[in-house]
N, C-alpha and C. Protein backbone atom coordinates (compact mmCIF):
# COMPACT_ATOMS: atom_id res chain seq x y z
N UNK A 1 -5.40 28.57 77.87
CA UNK A 1 -6.27 29.85 77.87
C UNK A 1 -7.68 29.53 78.51
N UNK A 2 -8.26 28.53 78.23
CA UNK A 2 -9.52 28.17 78.81
C UNK A 2 -9.58 27.98 80.29
N UNK A 3 -8.60 27.34 80.87
CA UNK A 3 -8.47 27.26 82.27
C UNK A 3 -8.17 28.49 82.93
N UNK A 4 -7.61 29.61 82.26
CA UNK A 4 -7.43 30.75 82.83
C UNK A 4 -8.92 31.60 82.86
N UNK A 5 -9.51 31.51 81.78
CA UNK A 5 -10.92 32.23 81.82
C UNK A 5 -11.83 31.51 82.83
N UNK A 6 -11.91 30.25 82.92
CA UNK A 6 -12.70 29.47 83.94
C UNK A 6 -12.43 30.10 85.42
N UNK A 7 -11.11 30.12 85.67
CA UNK A 7 -10.57 30.67 86.85
C UNK A 7 -11.07 32.09 87.19
N UNK A 8 -10.80 33.12 86.08
CA UNK A 8 -11.36 34.28 86.19
C UNK A 8 -12.81 34.30 86.49
N UNK A 9 -13.65 33.67 85.77
CA UNK A 9 -15.21 33.64 86.06
C UNK A 9 -15.40 32.97 87.49
N UNK A 10 -14.89 32.05 87.79
CA UNK A 10 -14.97 31.51 89.09
C UNK A 10 -14.57 32.48 90.21
N UNK A 11 -13.68 33.17 89.90
CA UNK A 11 -13.22 34.32 91.04
C UNK A 11 -14.30 35.48 91.07
N UNK A 12 -14.62 35.83 89.66
CA UNK A 12 -15.70 36.83 89.85
C UNK A 12 -16.95 36.49 90.46
N UNK A 13 -17.47 35.13 90.17
CA UNK A 13 -18.57 34.72 90.78
C UNK A 13 -18.44 34.59 92.33
N UNK A 14 -17.33 34.09 92.71
CA UNK A 14 -17.16 34.13 94.26
C UNK A 14 -17.06 35.59 94.93
N UNK A 15 -16.39 36.56 94.03
CA UNK A 15 -16.61 38.03 94.46
C UNK A 15 -17.88 38.48 94.63
N UNK A 16 -18.79 38.12 93.74
CA UNK A 16 -20.09 38.58 93.67
C UNK A 16 -20.90 37.95 94.81
N UNK A 17 -20.64 36.56 95.09
CA UNK A 17 -21.31 35.92 96.23
C UNK A 17 -20.90 36.75 97.43
N UNK A 18 -19.68 37.02 97.67
CA UNK A 18 -19.20 37.72 98.96
C UNK A 18 -19.79 38.95 99.05
N UNK A 19 -19.81 39.87 97.98
CA UNK A 19 -20.29 41.24 98.11
C UNK A 19 -21.82 41.14 98.19
N UNK A 20 -22.74 40.09 97.64
CA UNK A 20 -23.97 39.92 97.94
C UNK A 20 -24.39 39.71 99.35
N UNK A 21 -23.41 38.79 99.83
CA UNK A 21 -23.74 38.40 101.13
C UNK A 21 -23.58 39.56 102.22
N UNK A 22 -22.49 40.33 101.85
CA UNK A 22 -22.32 41.40 102.76
C UNK A 22 -23.32 42.32 102.59
N UNK A 23 -23.77 42.41 101.45
CA UNK A 23 -24.98 43.46 101.26
C UNK A 23 -26.27 43.20 102.00
N UNK A 24 -26.38 41.55 102.00
CA UNK A 24 -27.67 41.09 102.69
C UNK A 24 -27.65 41.22 103.97
N UNK A 25 -26.30 41.01 104.59
CA UNK A 25 -26.42 41.23 105.96
C UNK A 25 -26.50 42.50 106.45
N UNK A 26 -25.86 43.61 105.77
CA UNK A 26 -25.99 44.72 106.04
C UNK A 26 -27.45 45.42 106.19
N UNK A 27 -28.12 44.87 104.94
CA UNK A 27 -29.60 45.27 104.88
C UNK A 27 -30.44 44.69 106.04
N UNK A 28 -30.23 43.50 106.38
CA UNK A 28 -30.84 42.70 107.39
C UNK A 28 -30.64 43.45 108.95
N UNK A 29 -29.42 43.93 109.10
CA UNK A 29 -28.92 44.62 110.32
C UNK A 29 -29.64 46.06 110.36
N UNK A 30 -29.77 46.64 109.30
CA UNK A 30 -30.53 47.77 109.27
C UNK A 30 -31.85 47.68 109.64
N UNK A 31 -32.57 46.69 108.91
CA UNK A 31 -33.94 46.44 109.39
C UNK A 31 -34.20 45.94 110.86
N UNK A 32 -33.35 45.31 111.40
CA UNK A 32 -33.29 44.64 112.69
C UNK A 32 -33.12 45.93 113.70
N UNK A 33 -32.19 46.87 113.62
CA UNK A 33 -31.97 47.98 114.25
C UNK A 33 -33.38 48.82 114.32
N UNK A 34 -34.00 48.99 113.11
CA UNK A 34 -35.16 49.86 113.09
C UNK A 34 -36.32 49.14 113.67
N UNK A 35 -36.31 47.76 113.68
CA UNK A 35 -37.48 47.05 114.44
C UNK A 35 -37.23 47.21 115.87
N UNK A 36 -36.03 47.09 116.49
CA UNK A 36 -35.84 47.09 117.70
C UNK A 36 -35.96 48.52 118.39
N UNK A 37 -35.93 49.66 117.47
CA UNK A 37 -36.08 51.05 117.97
C UNK A 37 -37.65 51.09 118.05
N UNK A 38 -38.40 50.46 117.12
CA UNK A 38 -39.63 50.55 117.19
C UNK A 38 -40.46 49.98 118.50
N UNK A 39 -39.92 48.66 118.79
CA UNK A 39 -40.32 48.05 119.88
C UNK A 39 -39.92 48.55 121.40
N UNK A 40 -38.61 49.13 121.12
CA UNK A 40 -38.42 49.98 122.31
C UNK A 40 -39.11 51.22 122.59
N UNK A 41 -39.40 52.08 121.60
CA UNK A 41 -40.25 53.16 121.59
C UNK A 41 -41.72 52.69 122.12
N UNK A 42 -42.10 51.76 121.66
CA UNK A 42 -43.59 51.25 122.13
C UNK A 42 -43.45 50.85 123.69
N UNK A 43 -42.57 50.08 124.16
CA UNK A 43 -42.18 49.78 125.31
C UNK A 43 -42.41 50.86 126.25
N UNK A 44 -41.41 51.71 126.00
CA UNK A 44 -41.33 53.00 126.87
C UNK A 44 -42.66 53.84 126.83
N UNK A 45 -43.23 53.90 125.56
CA UNK A 45 -44.54 54.80 125.60
C UNK A 45 -45.55 54.04 126.41
N UNK A 46 -45.57 52.69 126.42
CA UNK A 46 -46.41 52.02 127.23
C UNK A 46 -46.20 52.34 128.95
N UNK A 47 -44.90 52.33 129.22
CA UNK A 47 -44.54 52.59 130.56
C UNK A 47 -45.09 53.70 131.04
N UNK A 48 -44.88 54.67 130.13
CA UNK A 48 -45.32 56.14 130.34
C UNK A 48 -46.91 56.42 130.57
N UNK A 49 -47.49 55.51 129.66
CA UNK A 49 -48.90 55.69 129.55
C UNK A 49 -49.66 54.98 130.89
N UNK A 50 -48.95 54.00 131.37
CA UNK A 50 -49.41 53.21 132.54
C UNK A 50 -49.06 54.06 133.83
N UNK A 51 -47.94 54.66 133.82
CA UNK A 51 -47.72 55.52 134.86
C UNK A 51 -48.73 56.65 134.99
N UNK A 52 -49.11 57.45 133.72
CA UNK A 52 -50.31 58.36 133.92
C UNK A 52 -51.50 57.89 134.16
N UNK A 53 -51.89 56.99 133.54
CA UNK A 53 -53.31 56.45 133.66
C UNK A 53 -53.57 55.55 135.22
N UNK A 54 -52.47 54.85 135.55
CA UNK A 54 -52.73 54.06 136.78
C UNK A 54 -52.13 54.75 138.07
N UNK A 55 -50.91 55.29 137.89
CA UNK A 55 -50.27 55.87 139.10
C UNK A 55 -50.82 57.30 139.25
N UNK A 56 -50.93 58.00 138.30
CA UNK A 56 -51.32 59.45 138.41
C UNK A 56 -52.90 59.46 138.08
N UNK A 57 -53.39 58.58 137.69
CA UNK A 57 -54.96 58.48 137.55
C UNK A 57 -55.23 59.59 136.66
N UNK A 58 -54.61 59.90 135.61
CA UNK A 58 -54.74 60.95 134.53
C UNK A 58 -54.19 62.48 134.90
N UNK A 59 -53.71 62.56 136.11
CA UNK A 59 -53.44 63.77 136.35
C UNK A 59 -52.05 64.10 135.93
N UNK A 60 -51.48 65.51 135.95
CA UNK A 60 -50.19 65.81 135.36
C UNK A 60 -49.09 65.17 136.48
N UNK A 61 -49.41 65.04 137.74
CA UNK A 61 -48.50 64.38 138.57
C UNK A 61 -49.24 63.48 139.77
N UNK A 62 -48.46 62.58 140.21
CA UNK A 62 -49.12 61.78 141.18
C UNK A 62 -48.93 62.47 142.59
N UNK A 63 -49.84 62.26 143.45
CA UNK A 63 -49.81 62.73 144.68
C UNK A 63 -48.51 62.86 145.50
N UNK A 64 -47.70 61.58 145.39
CA UNK A 64 -46.54 61.52 146.11
C UNK A 64 -45.27 62.00 145.05
N UNK A 65 -45.61 63.00 144.33
CA UNK A 65 -44.43 63.57 143.51
C UNK A 65 -43.57 62.68 142.58
N UNK A 66 -42.48 63.02 142.54
CA UNK A 66 -41.54 62.02 141.52
C UNK A 66 -41.16 60.67 142.12
N UNK A 67 -41.68 60.36 143.40
CA UNK A 67 -41.23 59.06 143.86
C UNK A 67 -41.56 58.04 142.96
N UNK A 68 -42.71 57.91 142.13
CA UNK A 68 -42.96 56.85 141.15
C UNK A 68 -41.80 56.84 140.29
N UNK A 69 -41.26 57.83 139.64
CA UNK A 69 -40.32 57.95 138.76
C UNK A 69 -38.78 57.53 139.09
N UNK A 70 -38.65 57.99 140.64
CA UNK A 70 -37.40 57.68 141.08
C UNK A 70 -37.30 56.11 141.50
N UNK A 71 -38.47 55.53 141.99
CA UNK A 71 -38.43 54.32 142.25
C UNK A 71 -38.34 53.36 141.09
N UNK A 72 -39.02 53.71 140.04
CA UNK A 72 -38.91 53.03 138.63
C UNK A 72 -37.51 52.96 138.37
N UNK A 73 -36.90 54.10 138.16
CA UNK A 73 -35.50 54.23 137.92
C UNK A 73 -34.64 53.32 138.55
N UNK A 74 -34.85 53.34 139.80
CA UNK A 74 -33.99 52.46 140.73
C UNK A 74 -34.01 51.07 140.35
N UNK A 75 -35.26 50.60 140.17
CA UNK A 75 -35.54 49.23 139.86
C UNK A 75 -35.15 48.92 138.58
N UNK A 76 -35.34 49.73 137.47
CA UNK A 76 -34.79 49.39 136.12
C UNK A 76 -33.16 49.38 136.23
N UNK A 77 -32.59 50.14 136.83
CA UNK A 77 -31.18 50.36 136.87
C UNK A 77 -30.81 48.98 137.68
N UNK A 78 -31.22 48.63 138.67
CA UNK A 78 -30.97 47.41 139.41
C UNK A 78 -30.94 46.22 138.37
N UNK A 79 -32.20 46.17 137.91
CA UNK A 79 -32.31 44.87 136.86
C UNK A 79 -31.43 44.99 135.82
N UNK A 80 -31.27 46.13 134.89
CA UNK A 80 -30.69 46.23 133.67
C UNK A 80 -29.23 46.91 133.60
N UNK A 81 -28.96 47.66 134.66
CA UNK A 81 -27.68 48.40 134.69
C UNK A 81 -28.03 49.80 134.36
N UNK A 82 -27.07 50.47 134.36
CA UNK A 82 -27.15 52.01 133.99
C UNK A 82 -27.24 52.36 132.38
N UNK A 83 -26.54 51.75 131.66
CA UNK A 83 -26.25 52.24 130.29
C UNK A 83 -27.00 51.05 129.24
N UNK A 84 -27.93 50.26 129.65
CA UNK A 84 -28.53 49.14 128.84
C UNK A 84 -29.59 49.40 128.35
N UNK A 85 -30.30 50.45 128.58
CA UNK A 85 -31.54 50.90 128.11
C UNK A 85 -31.53 51.95 127.10
């Protein structure tokens, strides 16, 4: 009887370890995804700000129209592919 109880306790302990490990990994993945989203948002905001401040000199549009966006889009697509951003 003692061996059976020890086996059950060991199984319960192992199950708890597995579940806790799964929970921790899921928690870490959630935090990681949020941090990546924040960094990506800050990156895109910085690019947009740079376009307005440097390329457009604070105006609503650069003198050469949408060429800035078109050329940037082409360069980013060439470097990273179409669906990677």
